[in-house]
C-alpha atoms as a PDB file:
ATOM      1  CA  MET A   1      -0.338  -0.333  -0.291  1.00  0.00           C
ATOM      2  CA  SER A   2       1.107   3.519  -0.837  1.00  0.00           C
ATOM      3  CA  ARG A   3       0.741   6.689   1.637  1.00  0.00           C
ATOM      4  CA  TRP A   4       0.085   9.737   0.708  1.00  0.00           C
ATOM      5  CA  LEU A   5      -1.428  14.013   1.021  1.00  0.00           C
ATOM      6  CA  ILE A   6      -4.404  15.171   0.050  1.00  0.00           C
ATOM      7  CA  LYS A   7      -5.124  19.101   0.688  1.00  0.00           C
ATOM      8  CA  SER A   8      -7.859  20.855   0.255  1.00  0.00           C
ATOM      9  CA  GLU A   9      -8.533  24.241   1.366  1.00  0.00           C
ATOM     10  CA  PRO A  10     -10.902  24.563   4.682  1.00  0.00           C
ATOM     11  CA  HIS A  11     -13.620  26.273   3.646  1.00  0.00           C
ATOM     12  CA  VAL A  12     -13.891  24.069   0.714  1.00  0.00           C
ATOM     13  CA  TYR A  13     -14.112  21.699   1.806  1.00  0.00           C
ATOM     14  CA  PRO A  14     -12.876  20.479   5.174  1.00  0.00           C
ATOM     15  CA  PHE A  15     -12.264  16.869   6.697  1.00  0.00           C
ATOM     16  CA  SER A  16     -15.278  17.499   8.199  1.00  0.00           C
ATOM     17  CA  GLN A  17     -17.982  17.378   4.789  1.00  0.00           C
ATOM     18  CA  LEU A  18     -15.904  14.385   3.601  1.00  0.00           C
ATOM     19  CA  GLU A  19     -16.976  12.653   7.365  1.00  0.00           C
ATOM     20  CA  LYS A  20     -20.707  14.186   7.063  1.00  0.00           C
ATOM     21  CA  GLU A  21     -20.789  12.998   2.919  1.00  0.00           C
ATOM     22  CA  GLY A  22     -19.053   9.375   3.697  1.00  0.00           C
ATOM     23  CA  LYS A  23     -17.580   9.668   0.527  1.00  0.00           C
ATOM     24  CA  THR A  24     -16.047  12.418  -2.304  1.00  0.00           C
ATOM     25  CA  SER A  25     -14.832  12.308  -5.653  1.00  0.00           C
ATOM     26  CA  TRP A  26     -11.243  14.491  -5.398  1.00  0.00           C
ATOM     27  CA  THR A  27     -11.768  16.339  -8.177  1.00  0.00           C
ATOM     28  CA  GLY A  28     -10.353  19.300 -10.082  1.00  0.00           C
ATOM     29  CA  VAL A  29      -7.086  19.108  -9.858  1.00  0.00           C
ATOM     30  CA  ARG A  30      -5.524  20.780 -12.869  1.00  0.00           C
ATOM     31  CA  ASN A  31      -1.316  19.697 -12.296  1.00  0.00           C
ATOM     32  CA  TYR A  32       0.376  17.178 -13.893  1.00  0.00           C
ATOM     33  CA  GLU A  33       2.181  16.285 -10.874  1.00  0.00           C
ATOM     34  CA  ALA A  34      -0.758  16.042  -8.696  1.00  0.00           C
ATOM     35  CA  ARG A  35      -2.250  14.361 -11.493  1.00  0.00           C
ATOM     36  CA  ASN A  36       0.318  11.682 -12.129  1.00  0.00           C
ATOM     37  CA  ASN A  37       0.271  10.681  -8.305  1.00  0.00           C
ATOM     38  CA  LEU A  38      -3.958   9.798  -8.090  1.00  0.00           C
ATOM     39  CA  ARG A  39      -2.927   8.262 -11.611  1.00  0.00           C
ATOM     40  CA  ALA A  40      -0.749   6.160  -9.142  1.00  0.00           C
ATOM     41  CA  MET A  41      -3.321   5.848  -6.658  1.00  0.00           C
ATOM     42  CA  LYS A  42      -5.031   2.571  -5.740  1.00  0.00           C
ATOM     43  CA  LYS A  43      -7.898   1.068  -3.826  1.00  0.00           C
ATOM     44  CA  GLY A  44      -6.933   0.840   0.091  1.00  0.00           C
ATOM     45  CA  ASP A  45      -3.905   3.069   0.370  1.00  0.00           C
ATOM     46  CA  LEU A  46      -4.521   5.834   2.582  1.00  0.00           C
ATOM     47  CA  ALA A  47      -3.616   9.728   2.517  1.00  0.00           C
ATOM     48  CA  LEU A  48      -3.135  12.151   5.218  1.00  0.00           C
ATOM     49  CA  TYR A  49      -6.157  14.857   4.569  1.00  0.00           C
ATOM     50  CA  TYR A  50      -4.010  18.605   4.694  1.00  0.00           C
ATOM     51  CA  HIS A  51      -6.383  21.718   4.799  1.00  0.00           C
ATOM     52  CA  SER A  52      -4.242  24.481   3.115  1.00  0.00           C
ATOM     53  CA  ASN A  53      -4.141  28.223   3.232  1.00  0.00           C
ATOM     54  CA  VAL A  54      -5.976  28.415   5.902  1.00  0.00           C
ATOM     55  CA  GLY A  55      -4.782  26.081   9.376  1.00  0.00           C
ATOM     56  CA  LYS A  56      -2.054  24.506   7.025  1.00  0.00           C
ATOM     57  CA  GLU A  57      -1.954  21.664   8.748  1.00  0.00           C
ATOM     58  CA  VAL A  58      -2.819  17.569   8.693  1.00  0.00           C
ATOM     59  CA  VAL A  59      -6.224  17.163  10.246  1.00  0.00           C
ATOM     60  CA  GLY A  60      -7.675  14.053   9.561  1.00  0.00           C
ATOM     61  CA  VAL A  61      -6.999  10.619   7.300  1.00  0.00           C
ATOM     62  CA  ALA A  62      -8.833   9.280   4.720  1.00  0.00           C
ATOM     63  CA  LYS A  63      -8.690   5.670   2.079  1.00  0.00           C
ATOM     64  CA  ILE A  64      -8.498   5.603  -1.836  1.00  0.00           C
ATOM     65  CA  VAL A  65     -12.243   3.614  -2.673  1.00  0.00           C
ATOM     66  CA  LYS A  66     -11.720   3.703  -5.897  1.00  0.00           C
ATOM     67  CA  GLU A  67      -9.523   3.727  -8.442  1.00  0.00           C
ATOM     68  CA  ALA A  68      -8.658   7.369 -11.220  1.00  0.00           C
ATOM     69  CA  TYR A  69     -10.711   7.773 -13.571  1.00  0.00           C
ATOM     70  CA  ALA A  70     -11.895  10.917 -16.255  1.00  0.00           C
ATOM     71  CA  ASP A  71     -11.901  14.293 -13.339  1.00  0.00           C
ATOM     72  CA  PRO A  72     -15.975  15.082 -14.469  1.00  0.00           C
ATOM     73  CA  THR A  73     -15.344  18.304 -13.682  1.00  0.00           C
ATOM     74  CA  ALA A  74     -12.789  18.493 -17.149  1.00  0.00           C
ATOM     75  CA  SER A  75     -14.067  20.374 -19.891  1.00  0.00           C
ATOM     76  CA  LYS A  76     -14.674  18.152 -22.757  1.00  0.00           C
ATOM     77  CA  ASP A  77     -11.472  18.541 -24.877  1.00  0.00           C
ATOM     78  CA  GLU A  78      -9.465  17.759 -21.499  1.00  0.00           C
ATOM     79  CA  ALA A  79     -11.356  14.407 -20.881  1.00  0.00           C
ATOM     80  CA  ASP A  80      -8.679  12.312 -21.061  1.00  0.00           C
ATOM     81  CA  THR A  81      -6.399  15.313 -19.499  1.00  0.00           C
ATOM     82  CA  TRP A  82      -7.487  15.326 -15.908  1.00  0.00           C
ATOM     83  CA  ALA A  83      -8.252  12.472 -13.511  1.00  0.00           C
ATOM     84  CA  THR A  84     -10.027  12.266 -10.231  1.00  0.00           C
ATOM     85  CA  VAL A  85     -10.161   9.257  -7.699  1.00  0.00           C
ATOM     86  CA  ASP A  86     -12.485   8.895  -4.544  1.00  0.00           C
ATOM     87  CA  VAL A  87     -11.507   9.492  -1.056  1.00  0.00           C
ATOM     88  CA  ALA A  88     -13.430   8.053   2.112  1.00  0.00           C
ATOM     89  CA  PRO A  89     -12.873   9.388   5.469  1.00  0.00           C
ATOM     90  CA  VAL A  90     -10.786   7.167   7.935  1.00  0.00           C
ATOM     91  CA  LYS A  91     -10.914   8.844  10.912  1.00  0.00           C
ATOM     92  CA  ALA A  92      -9.894  12.498  12.152  1.00  0.00           C
ATOM     93  CA  LEU A  93      -6.937  12.866  14.022  1.00  0.00           C
ATOM     94  CA  LYS A  94      -6.791  13.665  17.577  1.00  0.00           C
ATOM     95  CA  GLU A  95      -4.452  16.236  17.309  1.00  0.00           C
ATOM     96  CA  PRO A  96      -3.852  18.083  14.229  1.00  0.00           C
ATOM     97  CA  VAL A  97      -0.421  18.955  12.816  1.00  0.00           C
ATOM     98  CA  SER A  98       0.849  22.108  11.533  1.00  0.00           C
ATOM     99  CA  LEU A  99       3.271  22.846   9.247  1.00  0.00           C
ATOM    100  CA  ASP A 100       5.676  24.411  11.355  1.00  0.00           C
ATOM    101  CA  ALA A 101       5.112  20.716  13.498  1.00  0.00           C
ATOM    102  CA  ILE A 102       6.246  18.940  10.589  1.00  0.00           C
ATOM    103  CA  LYS A 103       8.929  21.414   9.584  1.00  0.00           C
ATOM    104  CA  GLY A 104      10.134  21.758  13.012  1.00  0.00           C
ATOM    105  CA  THR A 105      10.705  17.939  13.410  1.00  0.00           C
ATOM    106  CA  ALA A 106      14.248  16.256  11.699  1.00  0.00           C
ATOM    107  CA  THR A 107      12.804  13.262  10.515  1.00  0.00           C
ATOM    108  CA  LEU A 108       9.866  14.730   8.006  1.00  0.00           C
ATOM    109  CA  LYS A 109      12.974  17.393   6.758  1.00  0.00           C
ATOM    110  CA  ASP A 110      12.937  15.724   3.054  1.00  0.00           C
ATOM    111  CA  MET A 111       9.041  15.564   3.228  1.00  0.00           C
ATOM    112  CA  ALA A 112       7.167  16.555  -0.163  1.00  0.00           C
ATOM    113  CA  LEU A 113       5.054  18.733   1.868  1.00  0.00           C
ATOM    114  CA  VAL A 114       7.779  20.847   2.528  1.00  0.00           C
ATOM    115  CA  LYS A 115       9.469  20.239  -0.953  1.00  0.00           C
ATOM    116  CA  LYS A 116       7.074  20.890  -3.023  1.00  0.00           C
ATOM    117  CA  SER A 117       4.468  23.097  -1.201  1.00  0.00           C
ATOM    118  CA  ARG A 118       2.329  23.833  -3.852  1.00  0.00           C
ATOM    119  CA  ILE A 119       1.655  20.300  -5.245  1.00  0.00           C
ATOM    120  CA  SER A 120      -2.624  19.415  -3.963  1.00  0.00           C
ATOM    121  CA  VAL A 121      -1.509  15.036  -4.059  1.00  0.00           C
ATOM    122  CA  LEU A 122       1.875  13.995  -2.524  1.00  0.00           C
ATOM    123  CA  PRO A 123       3.274  10.950  -2.166  1.00  0.00           C
ATOM    124  CA  LEU A 124       4.790   9.931   1.710  1.00  0.00           C
ATOM    125  CA  THR A 125       7.525   7.500   2.837  1.00  0.00           C
ATOM    126  CA  GLU A 126       5.581   4.817   5.499  1.00  0.00           C
ATOM    127  CA  ALA A 127       7.797   6.346   7.848  1.00  0.00           C
ATOM    128  CA  GLU A 128       6.271  10.451   7.014  1.00  0.00           C
ATOM    129  CA  PHE A 129       3.041   9.486   7.298  1.00  0.00           C
ATOM    130  CA  ARG A 130       2.632   7.535  10.419  1.00  0.00           C
ATOM    131  CA  GLU A 131       5.235   9.801  11.863  1.00  0.00           C
ATOM    132  CA  VAL A 132       2.681  12.558  11.650  1.00  0.00           C
ATOM    133  CA  LEU A 133      -0.194   9.884  12.551  1.00  0.00           C
ATOM    134  CA  LYS A 134       2.387   9.597  15.889  1.00  0.00           C
ATOM    135  CA  MET A 135       2.319  13.550  16.209  1.00  0.00           C
ATOM    136  CA  GLY A 136      -1.405  13.670  15.591  1.00  0.00           C
ATOM    137  CA  LYS A 137      -1.781  10.981  18.624  1.00  0.00           C
ATOM    138  CA  THR A 138      -3.533   8.720  16.088  1.00  0.00           C
ATOM    139  CA  ASN A 139      -3.862   5.383  15.396  1.00  0.00           C
ATOM    140  CA  VAL A 140      -4.642   3.621  12.172  1.00  0.00           C
END
C-alpha cells in the first residue's frame, strides 16, 4: 500500500464535510504532477488530509475507495487529461499537526509537503505517514 497527502482548503471542502458525506470524488486537480499522483493511487491506499491556506495542518486520514478515472469537472476537450479518485474518511486526528510542527521535525525534513508545498496531491513514505500520525496522537 502507498501513502499520500491530499490538500483541501477548509472553507472549500473540510475534513468534517468528508466525514459527514462519507465519500467524495477528488475533482478539480489541474497540475500534471498531482494528476500523475492521483493516477498512481490504488484502492485501499491511505492519505493524510491536509487543510491548506487556512490552518495549514493535517487533520485526518482518508482512504482511496475508487482508483483514478476521468475527472467529470474537466472540459470535454480535456476529459482524457485530468483524473480523479474517490476518497472516504478513515478518522480525524486527535490533534491536528501543523505545517510548522512538520517543518520542525527532523525526520520529516524531506517530506514532499515541505519540499513541494504547491502540489495538492503528494506521495509520502510509510515512515513520514506514521510520524505524522504519532504527532497527531492517532492510530490507524
